[in-house]
Amino acid sequence: KELDDFGLLVEDVHRTGARGQPVRPLLIKADAAYAAGV
């Protein structure tokens, strides 16, 4: 939750076909930060 508040994560909703809440696996939010390499 803290990392999500920092804007670093995003949820990827997976539905299994069963009733109830879908599984919400986490991914890195790609555009949350960048770095340059020389």
Full PDB file with SEQRES, HELIX, SHEET, SSBOND, CRYST1, ORIGX, SCALE, CONECT and MASTER records, all heavy atoms in Angstrom:
SEQRES   1 A   38  LYS GLU LEU ASP ASP PHE GLY LEU LEU VAL GLU ASP VAL          
SEQRES   2 A   38  HIS ARG THR GLY ALA ARG GLY GLN PRO VAL ARG PRO LEU          
SEQRES   3 A   38  LEU ILE LYS ALA ASP ALA ALA TYR ALA ALA GLY VAL              
HELIX    1 AA1 GLU A    2  ASP A    5  1                                   4    
HELIX    2 AA2 ALA A   30  ALA A   32  5                                   3    
SHEET    1 AA1 2 LEU A   9  GLU A  11  0                                        
SHEET    2 AA1 2 LEU A  26  ILE A  28 -1                                        
CRYST1    1.000    1.000    1.000  90.00  90.00  90.00 P 1           1          
ORIGX1      1.000000  0.000000  0.000000        0.00000                         
ORIGX2      0.000000  1.000000  0.000000        0.00000                         
ORIGX3      0.000000  0.000000  1.000000        0.00000                         
SCALE1      1.000000  0.000000  0.000000        0.00000                         
SCALE2      0.000000  1.000000  0.000000        0.00000                         
SCALE3      0.000000  0.000000  1.000000        0.00000                         
ATOM      1  N   LYS A   1       0.846  -1.206   0.000  1.00  0.00           N  
ATOM      2  CA  LYS A   1       0.000   0.000   0.000  1.00  0.00           C  
ATOM      3  C   LYS A   1       0.880   1.255   0.000  1.00  0.00           C  
ATOM      4  O   LYS A   1       0.617   2.227  -0.722  1.00  0.00           O  
ATOM      5  CB  LYS A   1      -0.908  -0.013   1.225  1.00  0.00           C  
ATOM      6  CG  LYS A   1      -1.717   1.281   1.438  1.00  0.00           C  
ATOM      7  CD  LYS A   1      -2.707   1.523   0.312  1.00  0.00           C  
ATOM      8  CE  LYS A   1      -3.730   2.596   0.670  1.00  0.00           C  
ATOM      9  NZ  LYS A   1      -3.128   3.893   1.026  1.00  0.00           N  
ATOM     10  N   GLU A   2       1.961   1.221   0.776  1.00  0.00           N  
ATOM     11  CA  GLU A   2       2.886   2.356   0.808  1.00  0.00           C  
ATOM     12  C   GLU A   2       3.534   2.570  -0.565  1.00  0.00           C  
ATOM     13  O   GLU A   2       3.637   3.701  -1.056  1.00  0.00           O  
ATOM     14  CB  GLU A   2       3.961   2.124   1.865  1.00  0.00           C  
ATOM     15  CG  GLU A   2       3.434   2.117   3.293  1.00  0.00           C  
ATOM     16  CD  GLU A   2       4.436   1.574   4.297  1.00  0.00           C  
ATOM     17  OE1 GLU A   2       5.484   1.038   3.867  1.00  0.00           O  
ATOM     18  OE2 GLU A   2       4.161   1.669   5.511  1.00  0.00           O  
ATOM     19  N   LEU A   3       3.969   1.468  -1.179  1.00  0.00           N  
ATOM     20  CA  LEU A   3       4.611   1.571  -2.491  1.00  0.00           C  
ATOM     21  C   LEU A   3       3.623   2.055  -3.548  1.00  0.00           C  
ATOM     22  O   LEU A   3       3.989   2.817  -4.460  1.00  0.00           O  
ATOM     23  CB  LEU A   3       5.205   0.217  -2.898  1.00  0.00           C  
ATOM     24  CG  LEU A   3       6.364  -0.284  -2.033  1.00  0.00           C  
ATOM     25  CD1 LEU A   3       6.729  -1.712  -2.414  1.00  0.00           C  
ATOM     26  CD2 LEU A   3       7.572   0.632  -2.175  1.00  0.00           C  
ATOM     27  N   ASP A   4       2.368   1.634  -3.411  1.00  0.00           N  
ATOM     28  CA  ASP A   4       1.333   2.109  -4.328  1.00  0.00           C  
ATOM     29  C   ASP A   4       1.087   3.604  -4.130  1.00  0.00           C  
ATOM     30  O   ASP A   4       0.920   4.355  -5.102  1.00  0.00           O  
ATOM     31  CB  ASP A   4       0.052   1.316  -4.097  1.00  0.00           C  
ATOM     32  CG  ASP A   4      -1.045   1.709  -5.071  1.00  0.00           C  
ATOM     33  OD1 ASP A   4      -0.824   1.629  -6.294  1.00  0.00           O  
ATOM     34  OD2 ASP A   4      -2.124   2.119  -4.610  1.00  0.00           O  
ATOM     35  N   ASP A   5       1.116   4.045  -2.877  1.00  0.00           N  
ATOM     36  CA  ASP A   5       0.944   5.472  -2.601  1.00  0.00           C  
ATOM     37  C   ASP A   5       2.081   6.298  -3.189  1.00  0.00           C  
ATOM     38  O   ASP A   5       1.883   7.459  -3.571  1.00  0.00           O  
ATOM     39  CB  ASP A   5       0.861   5.709  -1.090  1.00  0.00           C  
ATOM     40  CG  ASP A   5      -0.436   5.195  -0.479  1.00  0.00           C  
ATOM     41  OD1 ASP A   5      -1.397   4.958  -1.242  1.00  0.00           O  
ATOM     42  OD2 ASP A   5      -0.475   5.015   0.756  1.00  0.00           O  
ATOM     43  N   PHE A   6       3.273   5.709  -3.257  1.00  0.00           N  
ATOM     44  CA  PHE A   6       4.418   6.391  -3.878  1.00  0.00           C  
ATOM     45  C   PHE A   6       4.302   6.417  -5.404  1.00  0.00           C  
ATOM     46  O   PHE A   6       5.100   7.074  -6.081  1.00  0.00           O  
ATOM     47  CB  PHE A   6       5.729   5.700  -3.515  1.00  0.00           C  
ATOM     48  CG  PHE A   6       6.118   5.806  -2.070  1.00  0.00           C  
ATOM     49  CD1 PHE A   6       6.823   4.790  -1.452  1.00  0.00           C  
ATOM     50  CD2 PHE A   6       5.773   6.918  -1.310  1.00  0.00           C  
ATOM     51  CE1 PHE A   6       7.193   4.885  -0.119  1.00  0.00           C  
ATOM     52  CE2 PHE A   6       6.142   7.020   0.020  1.00  0.00           C  
ATOM     53  CZ  PHE A   6       6.855   5.989   0.629  1.00  0.00           C  
ATOM     54  N   GLY A   7       3.331   5.684  -5.936  1.00  0.00           N  
ATOM     55  CA  GLY A   7       3.153   5.633  -7.385  1.00  0.00           C  
ATOM     56  C   GLY A   7       4.065   4.653  -8.088  1.00  0.00           C  
ATOM     57  O   GLY A   7       4.273   4.765  -9.300  1.00  0.00           O  
ATOM     58  N   LEU A   8       4.577   3.646  -7.350  1.00  0.00           N  
ATOM     59  CA  LEU A   8       5.541   2.714  -7.921  1.00  0.00           C  
ATOM     60  C   LEU A   8       4.909   1.419  -8.433  1.00  0.00           C  
ATOM     61  O   LEU A   8       5.566   0.660  -9.144  1.00  0.00           O  
ATOM     62  CB  LEU A   8       6.613   2.365  -6.873  1.00  0.00           C  
ATOM     63  CG  LEU A   8       7.444   3.541  -6.348  1.00  0.00           C  
ATOM     64  CD1 LEU A   8       8.377   3.073  -5.249  1.00  0.00           C  
ATOM     65  CD2 LEU A   8       8.229   4.193  -7.486  1.00  0.00           C  
ATOM     66  N   LEU A   9       3.655   1.150  -8.060  1.00  0.00           N  
ATOM     67  CA  LEU A   9       3.022  -0.121  -8.400  1.00  0.00           C  
ATOM     68  C   LEU A   9       1.714   0.098  -9.152  1.00  0.00           C  
ATOM     69  O   LEU A   9       1.107   1.164  -9.086  1.00  0.00           O  
ATOM     70  CB  LEU A   9       2.735  -0.938  -7.134  1.00  0.00           C  
ATOM     71  CG  LEU A   9       3.918  -1.294  -6.239  1.00  0.00           C  
ATOM     72  CD1 LEU A   9       3.435  -2.113  -5.045  1.00  0.00           C  
ATOM     73  CD2 LEU A   9       4.976  -2.060  -7.015  1.00  0.00           C  
ATOM     74  N   VAL A  10       1.300  -0.949  -9.845  1.00  0.00           N  
ATOM     75  CA  VAL A  10       0.002  -0.957 -10.502  1.00  0.00           C  
ATOM     76  C   VAL A  10      -0.560  -2.360 -10.369  1.00  0.00           C  
ATOM     77  O   VAL A  10       0.183  -3.356 -10.353  1.00  0.00           O  
ATOM     78  CB  VAL A  10       0.119  -0.553 -11.993  1.00  0.00           C  
ATOM     79  CG1 VAL A  10       0.986  -1.538 -12.771  1.00  0.00           C  
ATOM     80  CG2 VAL A  10      -1.252  -0.418 -12.631  1.00  0.00           C  
ATOM     81  N   GLU A  11      -1.880  -2.482 -10.216  1.00  0.00           N  
ATOM     82  CA  GLU A  11      -2.520  -3.790 -10.097  1.00  0.00           C  
ATOM     83  C   GLU A  11      -2.912  -4.315 -11.466  1.00  0.00           C  
ATOM     84  O   GLU A  11      -3.353  -3.561 -12.339  1.00  0.00           O  
ATOM     85  CB  GLU A  11      -3.754  -3.709  -9.202  1.00  0.00           C  
ATOM     86  CG  GLU A  11      -3.428  -3.515  -7.726  1.00  0.00           C  
ATOM     87  CD  GLU A  11      -4.664  -3.587  -6.862  1.00  0.00           C  
ATOM     88  OE1 GLU A  11      -5.774  -3.306  -7.373  1.00  0.00           O  
ATOM     89  OE2 GLU A  11      -4.538  -3.923  -5.663  1.00  0.00           O  
ATOM     90  N   ASP A  12      -2.756  -5.629 -11.635  1.00  0.00           N  
ATOM     91  CA  ASP A  12      -3.139  -6.301 -12.880  1.00  0.00           C  
ATOM     92  C   ASP A  12      -4.235  -7.302 -12.530  1.00  0.00           C  
ATOM     93  O   ASP A  12      -3.965  -8.353 -11.946  1.00  0.00           O  
ATOM     94  CB  ASP A  12      -1.918  -7.014 -13.477  1.00  0.00           C  
ATOM     95  CG  ASP A  12      -2.233  -7.690 -14.795  1.00  0.00           C  
ATOM     96  OD1 ASP A  12      -3.127  -7.223 -15.500  1.00  0.00           O  
ATOM     97  OD2 ASP A  12      -1.568  -8.705 -15.111  1.00  0.00           O  
ATOM     98  N   VAL A  13      -5.471  -6.966 -12.848  1.00  0.00           N  
ATOM     99  CA  VAL A  13      -6.610  -7.778 -12.415  1.00  0.00           C  
ATOM    100  C   VAL A  13      -6.648  -9.094 -13.187  1.00  0.00           C  
ATOM    101  O   VAL A  13      -6.616  -9.116 -14.415  1.00  0.00           O  
ATOM    102  CB  VAL A  13      -7.932  -7.018 -12.602  1.00  0.00           C  
ATOM    103  CG1 VAL A  13      -9.107  -7.895 -12.189  1.00  0.00           C  
ATOM    104  CG2 VAL A  13      -7.912  -5.728 -11.791  1.00  0.00           C  
ATOM    105  N   HIS A  14      -6.705 -10.224 -12.433  1.00  0.00           N  
ATOM    106  CA  HIS A  14      -6.871 -11.552 -13.017  1.00  0.00           C  
ATOM    107  C   HIS A  14      -8.185 -12.139 -12.519  1.00  0.00           C  
ATOM    108  O   HIS A  14      -8.418 -12.240 -11.312  1.00  0.00           O  
ATOM    109  CB  HIS A  14      -5.722 -12.475 -12.580  1.00  0.00           C  
ATOM    110  CG  HIS A  14      -4.469 -12.229 -13.343  1.00  0.00           C  
ATOM    111  ND1 HIS A  14      -3.361 -13.043 -13.251  1.00  0.00           N  
ATOM    112  CD2 HIS A  14      -4.130 -11.246 -14.215  1.00  0.00           C  
ATOM    113  CE1 HIS A  14      -2.392 -12.569 -14.020  1.00  0.00           C  
ATOM    114  NE2 HIS A  14      -2.842 -11.484 -14.609  1.00  0.00           N  
ATOM    115  N   ARG A  15      -9.043 -12.547 -13.433  1.00  0.00           N  
ATOM    116  CA  ARG A  15     -10.295 -13.195 -13.044  1.00  0.00           C  
ATOM    117  C   ARG A  15     -10.160 -14.697 -13.296  1.00  0.00           C  
ATOM    118  O   ARG A  15      -9.773 -15.126 -14.372  1.00  0.00           O  
ATOM    119  CB  ARG A  15     -11.479 -12.628 -13.831  1.00  0.00           C  
ATOM    120  CG  ARG A  15     -11.728 -11.163 -13.509  1.00  0.00           C  
ATOM    121  CD  ARG A  15     -13.060 -10.688 -14.033  1.00  0.00           C  
ATOM    122  NE  ARG A  15     -13.299  -9.297 -13.668  1.00  0.00           N  
ATOM    123  CZ  ARG A  15     -13.816  -8.920 -12.522  1.00  0.00           C  
ATOM    124  NH1 ARG A  15     -14.178  -9.832 -11.630  1.00  0.00           N  
ATOM    125  NH2 ARG A  15     -14.001  -7.636 -12.245  1.00  0.00           N  
ATOM    126  N   THR A  16     -10.492 -15.480 -12.287  1.00  0.00           N  
ATOM    127  CA  THR A  16     -10.326 -16.933 -12.372  1.00  0.00           C  
ATOM    128  C   THR A  16     -11.585 -17.644 -12.819  1.00  0.00           C  
ATOM    129  O   THR A  16     -11.574 -18.841 -13.056  1.00  0.00           O  
ATOM    130  CB  THR A  16      -9.918 -17.491 -10.996  1.00  0.00           C  
ATOM    131  OG1 THR A  16     -10.962 -17.222 -10.061  1.00  0.00           O  
ATOM    132  CG2 THR A  16      -8.623 -16.837 -10.521  1.00  0.00           C  
ATOM    133  N   GLY A  17     -12.709 -16.918 -12.914  1.00  0.00           N  
ATOM    134  CA  GLY A  17     -13.974 -17.558 -13.273  1.00  0.00           C  
ATOM    135  C   GLY A  17     -14.815 -17.899 -12.064  1.00  0.00           C  
ATOM    136  O   GLY A  17     -16.000 -18.171 -12.176  1.00  0.00           O  
ATOM    137  N   ALA A  18     -14.197 -17.895 -10.872  1.00  0.00           N  
ATOM    138  CA  ALA A  18     -14.937 -18.189  -9.653  1.00  0.00           C  
ATOM    139  C   ALA A  18     -15.575 -16.916  -9.118  1.00  0.00           C  
ATOM    140  O   ALA A  18     -15.205 -15.807  -9.465  1.00  0.00           O  
ATOM    141  CB  ALA A  18     -13.988 -18.796  -8.609  1.00  0.00           C  
ATOM    142  N   ARG A  19     -16.575 -17.089  -8.243  1.00  0.00           N  
ATOM    143  CA  ARG A  19     -17.219 -15.940  -7.638  1.00  0.00           C  
ATOM    144  C   ARG A  19     -16.277 -15.282  -6.641  1.00  0.00           C  
ATOM    145  O   ARG A  19     -15.335 -15.877  -6.138  1.00  0.00           O  
ATOM    146  CB  ARG A  19     -18.501 -16.364  -6.931  1.00  0.00           C  
ATOM    147  CG  ARG A  19     -19.593 -16.795  -7.904  1.00  0.00           C  
ATOM    148  CD  ARG A  19     -20.880 -17.073  -7.153  1.00  0.00           C  
ATOM    149  NE  ARG A  19     -21.962 -17.426  -8.061  1.00  0.00           N  
ATOM    150  CZ  ARG A  19     -23.205 -17.647  -7.664  1.00  0.00           C  
ATOM    151  NH1 ARG A  19     -23.520 -17.561  -6.376  1.00  0.00           N  
ATOM    152  NH2 ARG A  19     -24.134 -17.967  -8.542  1.00  0.00           N  
ATOM    153  N   GLY A  20     -16.558 -14.028  -6.305  1.00  0.00           N  
ATOM    154  CA  GLY A  20     -15.761 -13.321  -5.322  1.00  0.00           C  
ATOM    155  C   GLY A  20     -14.842 -12.312  -5.976  1.00  0.00           C  
ATOM    156  O   GLY A  20     -14.913 -12.042  -7.178  1.00  0.00           O  
ATOM    157  N   GLN A  21     -13.963 -11.752  -5.163  1.00  0.00           N  
ATOM    158  CA  GLN A  21     -13.059 -10.725  -5.627  1.00  0.00           C  
ATOM    159  C   GLN A  21     -12.007 -11.322  -6.580  1.00  0.00           C  
ATOM    160  O   GLN A  21     -11.490 -12.409  -6.342  1.00  0.00           O  
ATOM    161  CB  GLN A  21     -12.341 -10.078  -4.440  1.00  0.00           C  
ATOM    162  CG  GLN A  21     -13.250  -9.271  -3.535  1.00  0.00           C  
ATOM    163  CD  GLN A  21     -13.799  -8.057  -4.252  1.00  0.00           C  
ATOM    164  OE1 GLN A  21     -13.100  -7.412  -5.031  1.00  0.00           O  
ATOM    165  NE2 GLN A  21     -15.068  -7.751  -3.999  1.00  0.00           N  
ATOM    166  N   PRO A  22     -11.687 -10.614  -7.668  1.00  0.00           N  
ATOM    167  CA  PRO A  22     -10.642 -11.119  -8.563  1.00  0.00           C  
ATOM    168  C   PRO A  22      -9.263 -10.998  -7.911  1.00  0.00           C  
ATOM    169  O   PRO A  22      -9.043 -10.184  -7.018  1.00  0.00           O  
ATOM    170  CB  PRO A  22     -10.736 -10.168  -9.767  1.00  0.00           C  
ATOM    171  CG  PRO A  22     -11.307  -8.907  -9.202  1.00  0.00           C  
ATOM    172  CD  PRO A  22     -12.257  -9.339  -8.115  1.00  0.00           C  
ATOM    173  N   VAL A  23      -8.343 -11.838  -8.344  1.00  0.00           N  
ATOM    174  CA  VAL A  23      -6.956 -11.747  -7.894  1.00  0.00           C  
ATOM    175  C   VAL A  23      -6.347 -10.483  -8.490  1.00  0.00           C  
ATOM    176  O   VAL A  23      -6.575 -10.164  -9.659  1.00  0.00           O  
ATOM    177  CB  VAL A  23      -6.159 -12.992  -8.356  1.00  0.00           C  
ATOM    178  CG1 VAL A  23      -4.698 -12.866  -7.942  1.00  0.00           C  
ATOM    179  CG2 VAL A  23      -6.783 -14.251  -7.765  1.00  0.00           C  
ATOM    180  N   ARG A  24      -5.593  -9.741  -7.679  1.00  0.00           N  
ATOM    181  CA  ARG A  24      -5.004  -8.483  -8.140  1.00  0.00           C  
ATOM    182  C   ARG A  24      -3.482  -8.526  -7.965  1.00  0.00           C  
ATOM    183  O   ARG A  24      -2.950  -7.921  -7.031  1.00  0.00           O  
ATOM    184  CB  ARG A  24      -5.611  -7.303  -7.377  1.00  0.00           C  
ATOM    185  CG  ARG A  24      -7.097  -7.109  -7.632  1.00  0.00           C  
ATOM    186  CD  ARG A  24      -7.644  -5.919  -6.881  1.00  0.00           C  
ATOM    187  NE  ARG A  24      -9.054  -5.723  -7.137  1.00  0.00           N  
ATOM    188  CZ  ARG A  24      -9.564  -5.047  -8.159  1.00  0.00           C  
ATOM    189  NH1 ARG A  24      -8.751  -4.485  -9.040  1.00  0.00           N  
ATOM    190  NH2 ARG A  24     -10.861  -4.922  -8.317  1.00  0.00           N  
ATOM    191  N   PRO A  25      -2.802  -9.245  -8.840  1.00  0.00           N  
ATOM    192  CA  PRO A  25      -1.337  -9.283  -8.748  1.00  0.00           C  
ATOM    193  C   PRO A  25      -0.735  -7.926  -9.063  1.00  0.00           C  
ATOM    194  O   PRO A  25      -1.352  -7.089  -9.734  1.00  0.00           O  
ATOM    195  CB  PRO A  25      -0.945 -10.325  -9.800  1.00  0.00           C  
ATOM    196  CG  PRO A  25      -2.072 -10.338 -10.763  1.00  0.00           C  
ATOM    197  CD  PRO A  25      -3.309 -10.041  -9.965  1.00  0.00           C  
ATOM    198  N   LEU A  26       0.459  -7.714  -8.569  1.00  0.00           N  
ATOM    199  CA  LEU A  26       1.104  -6.418  -8.659  1.00  0.00           C  
ATOM    200  C   LEU A  26       2.200  -6.393  -9.715  1.00  0.00           C  
ATOM    201  O   LEU A  26       2.909  -7.373  -9.936  1.00  0.00           O  
ATOM    202  CB  LEU A  26       1.706  -6.047  -7.296  1.00  0.00           C  
ATOM    203  CG  LEU A  26       0.689  -5.856  -6.173  1.00  0.00           C  
ATOM    204  CD1 LEU A  26       1.396  -5.795  -4.828  1.00  0.00           C  
ATOM    205  CD2 LEU A  26      -0.134  -4.592  -6.412  1.00  0.00           C  
ATOM    206  N   LEU A  27       2.341  -5.225 -10.341  1.00  0.00           N  
ATOM    207  CA  LEU A  27       3.389  -4.971 -11.324  1.00  0.00           C  
ATOM    208  C   LEU A  27       4.095  -3.663 -10.979  1.00  0.00           C  
ATOM    209  O   LEU A  27       3.524  -2.779 -10.341  1.00  0.00           O  
ATOM    210  CB  LEU A  27       2.787  -4.832 -12.732  1.00  0.00           C  
ATOM    211  CG  LEU A  27       2.280  -6.079 -13.436  1.00  0.00           C  
ATOM    212  CD1 LEU A  27       1.438  -5.671 -14.642  1.00  0.00           C  
ATOM    213  CD2 LEU A  27       3.436  -6.944 -13.891  1.00  0.00           C  
ATOM    214  N   ILE A  28       5.338  -3.561 -11.432  1.00  0.00           N  
ATOM    215  CA  ILE A  28       6.033  -2.282 -11.359  1.00  0.00           C  
ATOM    216  C   ILE A  28       5.370  -1.291 -12.319  1.00  0.00           C  
ATOM    217  O   ILE A  28       5.021  -1.641 -13.447  1.00  0.00           O  
ATOM    218  CB  ILE A  28       7.521  -2.458 -11.759  1.00  0.00           C  
ATOM    219  CG1 ILE A  28       8.259  -3.327 -10.738  1.00  0.00           C  
ATOM    220  CG2 ILE A  28       8.204  -1.114 -11.927  1.00  0.00           C  
ATOM    221  CD1 ILE A  28       8.488  -2.665  -9.407  1.00  0.00           C  
ATOM    222  N   LYS A  29       5.183  -0.062 -11.870  1.00  0.00           N  
ATOM    223  CA  LYS A  29       4.652   0.985 -12.751  1.00  0.00           C  
ATOM    224  C   LYS A  29       5.822   1.552 -13.558  1.00  0.00           C  
ATOM    225  O   LYS A  29       6.676   2.265 -13.028  1.00  0.00           O  
ATOM    226  CB  LYS A  29       3.975   2.080 -11.940  1.00  0.00           C  
ATOM    227  CG  LYS A  29       3.156   3.062 -12.769  1.00  0.00           C  
ATOM    228  CD  LYS A  29       2.363   3.999 -11.873  1.00  0.00           C  
ATOM    229  CE  LYS A  29       1.383   4.836 -12.689  1.00  0.00           C  
ATOM    230  NZ  LYS A  29       2.047   5.735 -13.651  1.00  0.00           N  
ATOM    231  N   ALA A  30       5.872   1.205 -14.821  1.00  0.00           N  
ATOM    232  CA  ALA A  30       7.054   1.469 -15.643  1.00  0.00           C  
ATOM    233  C   ALA A  30       7.434   2.946 -15.677  1.00  0.00           C  
ATOM    234  O   ALA A  30       8.620   3.294 -15.610  1.00  0.00           O  
ATOM    235  CB  ALA A  30       6.833   0.951 -17.062  1.00  0.00           C  
ATOM    236  N   ASP A  31       6.458   3.821 -15.794  1.00  0.00           N  
ATOM    237  CA  ASP A  31       6.766   5.237 -15.950  1.00  0.00           C  
ATOM    238  C   ASP A  31       6.858   5.982 -14.622  1.00  0.00           C  
ATOM    239  O   ASP A  31       6.849   7.210 -14.584  1.00  0.00           O  
ATOM    240  CB  ASP A  31       5.749   5.920 -16.865  1.00  0.00           C  
ATOM    241  CG  ASP A  31       4.336   5.912 -16.295  1.00  0.00           C  
ATOM    242  OD1 ASP A  31       4.122   5.282 -15.229  1.00  0.00           O  
ATOM    243  OD2 ASP A  31       3.449   6.532 -16.906  1.00  0.00           O  
ATOM    244  N   ALA A  32       6.974   5.233 -13.509  1.00  0.00           N  
ATOM    245  CA  ALA A  32       7.085   5.882 -12.206  1.00  0.00           C  
ATOM    246  C   ALA A  32       8.429   6.567 -12.033  1.00  0.00           C  
ATOM    247  O   ALA A  32       8.538   7.554 -11.303  1.00  0.00           O  
ATOM    248  CB  ALA A  32       6.877   4.862 -11.086  1.00  0.00           C  
ATOM    249  N   ALA A  33       9.471   6.031 -12.680  1.00  0.00           N  
ATOM    250  CA  ALA A  33      10.810   6.608 -12.538  1.00  0.00           C  
ATOM    251  C   ALA A  33      11.649   6.194 -13.729  1.00  0.00           C  
ATOM    252  O   ALA A  33      11.367   5.202 -14.416  1.00  0.00           O  
ATOM    253  CB  ALA A  33      11.461   6.144 -11.236  1.00  0.00           C  
ATOM    254  N   TYR A  34      12.712   6.966 -13.939  1.00  0.00           N  
ATOM    255  CA  TYR A  34      13.650   6.712 -15.031  1.00  0.00           C  
ATOM    256  C   TYR A  34      15.077   6.908 -14.517  1.00  0.00           C  
ATOM    257  O   TYR A  34      15.318   7.575 -13.500  1.00  0.00           O  
ATOM    258  CB  TYR A  34      13.407   7.674 -16.195  1.00  0.00           C  
ATOM    259  CG  TYR A  34      12.053   7.547 -16.829  1.00  0.00           C  
ATOM    260  CD1 TYR A  34      10.949   8.223 -16.302  1.00  0.00           C  
ATOM    261  CD2 TYR A  34      11.856   6.751 -17.959  1.00  0.00           C  
ATOM    262  CE1 TYR A  34       9.695   8.109 -16.872  1.00  0.00           C  
ATOM    263  CE2 TYR A  34      10.604   6.635 -18.527  1.00  0.00           C  
ATOM    264  CZ  TYR A  34       9.537   7.306 -17.992  1.00  0.00           C  
ATOM    265  OH  TYR A  34       8.292   7.189 -18.561  1.00  0.00           O  
ATOM    266  N   ALA A  35      16.011   6.324 -15.239  1.00  0.00           N  
ATOM    267  CA  ALA A  35      17.427   6.586 -14.989  1.00  0.00           C  
ATOM    268  C   ALA A  35      18.136   6.629 -16.329  1.00  0.00           C  
ATOM    269  O   ALA A  35      17.706   5.989 -17.298  1.00  0.00           O  
ATOM    270  CB  ALA A  35      18.045   5.513 -14.101  1.00  0.00           C  
ATOM    271  N   ALA A  36      19.207   7.384 -16.389  1.00  0.00           N  
ATOM    272  CA  ALA A  36      20.028   7.444 -17.593  1.00  0.00           C  
ATOM    273  C   ALA A  36      21.331   6.701 -17.334  1.00  0.00           C  
ATOM    274  O   ALA A  36      21.836   6.674 -16.210  1.00  0.00           O  
ATOM    275  CB  ALA A  36      20.312   8.888 -17.990  1.00  0.00           C  
ATOM    276  N   GLY A  37      21.873   6.093 -18.378  1.00  0.00           N  
ATOM    277  CA  GLY A  37      23.142   5.385 -18.288  1.00  0.00           C  
ATOM    278  C   GLY A  37      24.120   5.912 -19.318  1.00  0.00           C  
ATOM    279  O   GLY A  37      23.759   6.105 -20.485  1.00  0.00           O  
ATOM    280  N   VAL A  38      25.372   6.136 -18.894  1.00  0.00           N  
ATOM    281  CA  VAL A  38      26.413   6.687 -19.764  1.00  0.00           C  
ATOM    282  C   VAL A  38      27.513   5.648 -19.929  1.00  0.00           C  
ATOM    283  O   VAL A  38      28.071   5.155 -18.949  1.00  0.00           O  
ATOM    284  CB  VAL A  38      27.000   7.981 -19.168  1.00  0.00           C  
ATOM    285  CG1 VAL A  38      28.063   8.558 -20.103  1.00  0.00           C  
ATOM    286  CG2 VAL A  38      25.901   8.998 -18.904  1.00  0.00           C  
TER     287      VAL A  38                                                      
MASTER        0    0    0    2    2    0    0    6  286    1    0    3          
END                                                                             
